């Protein structure tokens, strides 16, 4: 299991979760502050303002969803995506720091998933493997359909976005060749 490194310089996410009493009455079993973390080791001499942050909002265990799912569905330990083959759906908030990735180059990756997202704060460039870019700003949404992509923040402020990641069949070429997943250090096992 990956080790997660807290990022206390990033604002926590208030997470309100509904549920039911044993008799079926609606309740709020969780109203907490979910901390952003980084799944990669953080060098001691690094500037914390250059580190991306991830916060798991919720992760199901299989589909259809069990509404009485276990407490572990709310734990950052479930950020790793290697288990997605079981049909897990992940909802997370991601903070992309200014200048991410390294020296301003976006880390390109592909997931076998359909991803819905909305930019909550700031702006970010969505870059595809052929170098084509689109800038997304606060309130913009994206639908990511298994493409090779990366995120690049060229502003002076963090960009915060929320994504819902749903497992999918592999994307394929017109000839039927499956396009491979790219491992994301710390997020894929």
Protein backbone atom coordinates (compact mmCIF):
# COMPACT_ATOMS: atom_id res chain seq x y z
CA UNK A 1 0.00 0.00 0.00
CA UNK A 2 1.39 3.46 -0.88
CA UNK A 3 2.48 5.87 1.82
CA UNK A 4 0.65 9.21 1.75
CA UNK A 5 2.30 12.45 2.79
CA UNK A 6 0.01 15.14 4.29
CA UNK A 7 0.11 18.59 2.70
CA UNK A 8 -1.05 20.89 5.51
CA UNK A 9 -0.31 24.03 3.48
CA UNK A 10 -3.26 23.17 1.21
CA UNK A 11 -6.79 23.86 2.46
CA UNK A 12 -8.63 20.80 3.73
CA UNK A 13 -11.86 19.77 2.02
CA UNK A 14 -15.04 19.72 4.09
CA UNK A 15 -16.75 16.43 3.29
CA UNK A 16 -20.38 15.87 4.32
CA UNK A 17 -21.64 12.30 3.85
CA UNK A 18 -25.23 11.15 4.28
CA UNK A 19 -26.43 7.74 5.40
CA UNK A 20 -29.18 5.98 7.33
CA UNK A 21 -29.95 4.83 10.85
CA UNK A 22 -30.73 1.12 11.25
CA UNK A 23 -34.42 2.13 10.97
CA UNK A 24 -33.85 3.90 7.62
CA UNK A 25 -33.93 7.55 8.78
CA UNK A 26 -31.55 9.86 6.89
CA UNK A 27 -28.54 11.08 8.90
CA UNK A 28 -25.15 12.78 8.50
CA UNK A 29 -22.69 10.16 9.78
CA UNK A 30 -19.70 12.19 8.54
CA UNK A 31 -18.93 15.89 8.51
CA UNK A 32 -15.17 16.04 8.46
CA UNK A 33 -12.14 17.82 7.07
CA UNK A 34 -10.41 15.63 4.49
CA UNK A 35 -6.70 16.44 4.16
CA UNK A 36 -4.89 16.66 0.84
CA UNK A 37 -1.95 14.30 0.48
CA UNK A 38 0.79 13.45 -1.98
CA UNK A 39 1.40 9.76 -2.81
CA UNK A 40 5.05 10.33 -3.72
CA UNK A 41 7.92 10.83 -1.26
CA UNK A 42 8.51 14.52 -0.67
CA UNK A 43 12.19 15.57 -0.62
CA UNK A 44 13.08 17.47 2.56
CA UNK A 45 14.42 20.44 0.59
CA UNK A 46 11.38 20.78 -1.69
CA UNK A 47 9.14 23.83 -1.80
CA UNK A 48 5.69 22.69 -0.57
CA UNK A 49 4.05 25.05 -3.07
CA UNK A 50 5.31 22.87 -5.95
CA UNK A 51 3.71 19.61 -4.79
CA UNK A 52 0.40 18.32 -6.23
CA UNK A 53 -2.24 17.30 -3.70
CA UNK A 54 -4.92 14.63 -3.85
CA UNK A 55 -7.95 14.21 -1.60
CA UNK A 56 -10.20 11.19 -1.82
CA UNK A 57 -13.83 12.21 -1.47
CA UNK A 58 -15.23 8.70 -1.87
CA UNK A 59 -14.42 5.37 -3.50
CA UNK A 60 -16.99 2.66 -4.05
CA UNK A 61 -16.15 -1.02 -3.89
CA UNK A 62 -17.74 -2.49 -7.03
CA UNK A 63 -20.78 -1.65 -9.07
CA UNK A 64 -23.71 -1.35 -8.57
CA UNK A 65 -22.82 0.72 -5.51
CA UNK A 66 -23.51 -0.60 -2.00
CA UNK A 67 -25.05 2.41 -0.21
CA UNK A 68 -24.04 0.89 3.14
CA UNK A 69 -20.41 0.58 2.05
CA UNK A 70 -17.55 0.34 4.56
CA UNK A 71 -15.80 3.29 6.23
CA UNK A 72 -12.71 2.53 4.12
CA UNK A 73 -14.50 4.13 1.14
CA UNK A 74 -13.61 7.50 2.71
CA UNK A 75 -9.92 6.82 3.41
CA UNK A 76 -7.05 8.35 1.41
CA UNK A 77 -5.47 4.88 1.34
CA UNK A 78 -8.00 4.17 -1.42
CA UNK A 79 -6.51 6.76 -3.80
CA UNK A 80 -4.40 4.10 -5.56
CA UNK A 81 -6.10 3.10 -8.80
CA UNK A 82 -4.66 -0.38 -9.39
CA UNK A 83 -7.76 -1.95 -7.90
CA UNK A 84 -10.12 -0.26 -10.39
CA UNK A 85 -10.55 -3.51 -12.30
CA UNK A 86 -13.08 -4.48 -9.64
CA UNK A 87 -15.37 -1.68 -10.84
CA UNK A 88 -14.57 0.91 -8.19
CA UNK A 89 -15.65 4.50 -8.84
CA UNK A 90 -13.40 7.23 -7.39
CA UNK A 91 -14.27 10.82 -6.59
CA UNK A 92 -11.35 13.07 -5.68
CA UNK A 93 -10.20 16.67 -5.49
CA UNK A 94 -6.82 17.45 -7.04
CA UNK A 95 -4.62 20.51 -6.57
CA UNK A 96 -2.16 21.22 -9.39
CA UNK A 97 0.59 23.62 -8.27
CA UNK A 98 1.96 26.42 -10.41
CA UNK A 99 4.48 25.08 -12.91
CA UNK A 100 3.38 21.40 -12.51
CA UNK A 101 4.84 19.06 -13.84
CA UNK A 102 8.52 19.24 -13.50
CA UNK A 103 9.97 22.35 -15.12
CA UNK A 104 6.53 23.08 -16.55
CA UNK A 105 6.24 19.81 -18.53
CA UNK A 106 2.98 17.90 -18.02
CA UNK A 107 3.18 14.24 -16.92
CA UNK A 108 1.31 12.37 -19.69
CA UNK A 109 -0.71 9.34 -18.62
CA UNK A 110 -3.71 7.22 -19.64
CA UNK A 111 -6.29 5.46 -17.47
CA UNK A 112 -8.87 2.88 -18.51
CA UNK A 113 -11.61 5.15 -17.33
CA UNK A 114 -14.22 7.72 -18.14
CA UNK A 115 -13.51 10.83 -16.08
CA UNK A 116 -15.81 13.75 -15.40
CA UNK A 117 -14.32 16.87 -13.87
CA UNK A 118 -15.00 20.47 -13.00
CA UNK A 119 -12.46 23.22 -12.38
CA UNK A 120 -13.27 24.65 -8.94
CA UNK A 121 -10.55 27.30 -8.66
CA UNK A 122 -7.93 28.74 -10.96
CA UNK A 123 -7.08 27.41 -14.39
CA UNK A 124 -5.07 24.57 -15.92
CA UNK A 125 -4.05 23.38 -19.35
CA UNK A 126 -5.24 19.95 -20.48
CA UNK A 127 -2.61 18.60 -22.88
CA UNK A 128 -3.02 15.62 -25.22
CA UNK A 129 -0.23 13.36 -26.47
CA UNK A 130 0.02 15.21 -29.79
CA UNK A 131 0.75 18.47 -27.92
CA UNK A 132 -2.67 20.08 -28.49
CA UNK A 133 -3.73 22.08 -25.40
CA UNK A 134 -6.96 23.53 -24.07
CA UNK A 135 -7.03 25.93 -21.12
CA UNK A 136 -9.78 25.21 -18.60
CA UNK A 137 -10.85 27.85 -16.09
CA UNK A 138 -13.05 28.03 -13.02
CA UNK A 139 -16.46 26.53 -13.80
CA UNK A 140 -15.31 24.68 -16.93
CA UNK A 141 -15.92 20.92 -17.12
CA UNK A 142 -14.07 18.11 -18.88
CA UNK A 143 -14.92 14.60 -20.01
CA UNK A 144 -11.79 12.45 -20.32
CA UNK A 145 -12.38 9.27 -22.38
CA UNK A 146 -9.28 7.13 -21.91
CA UNK A 147 -6.99 9.50 -23.79
CA UNK A 148 -3.28 10.07 -23.13
CA UNK A 149 -3.30 13.42 -21.33
CA UNK A 150 -1.52 15.64 -18.85
CA UNK A 151 -2.21 18.69 -16.72
CA UNK A 152 -0.10 21.84 -16.71
CA UNK A 153 -0.62 24.88 -14.52
CA UNK A 154 1.06 27.94 -16.04
CA UNK A 155 -0.43 30.41 -13.54
CA UNK A 156 0.97 31.62 -10.20
CA UNK A 157 -1.80 29.96 -8.14
CA UNK A 158 -2.85 26.37 -7.43
CA UNK A 159 -5.62 24.99 -9.62
CA UNK A 160 -8.24 22.90 -7.79
CA UNK A 161 -10.51 20.50 -9.64
CA UNK A 162 -12.83 17.65 -8.75
CA UNK A 163 -12.95 14.46 -10.81
CA UNK A 164 -15.16 11.38 -10.81
CA UNK A 165 -13.30 8.40 -12.30
CA UNK A 166 -15.35 5.48 -13.61
CA UNK A 167 -13.61 2.30 -14.85
CA UNK A 168 -14.04 1.56 -18.55
CA UNK A 169 -13.03 -0.90 -21.19
CA UNK A 170 -9.67 0.01 -22.77
CA UNK A 171 -9.69 2.70 -25.44
CA UNK A 172 -8.91 1.13 -28.84
CA UNK A 173 -7.54 2.14 -32.19
CA UNK A 174 -9.74 1.83 -35.27
CA UNK A 175 -8.09 -1.57 -35.94
CA UNK A 176 -9.12 -2.78 -32.48
CA UNK A 177 -5.73 -2.57 -30.76
CA UNK A 178 -6.12 -1.72 -27.06
CA UNK A 179 -4.33 1.40 -25.84
CA UNK A 180 -2.28 0.72 -22.67
CA UNK A 181 -2.66 2.30 -19.25
CA UNK A 182 0.25 4.40 -18.06
CA UNK A 183 1.35 3.86 -14.48
CA UNK A 184 1.14 6.97 -12.33
CA UNK A 185 3.80 6.84 -9.59
CA UNK A 186 2.02 6.55 -6.25
CA UNK A 187 -1.47 6.41 -7.77
CA UNK A 188 -1.23 3.13 -9.67
CA UNK A 189 0.18 -0.07 -8.25
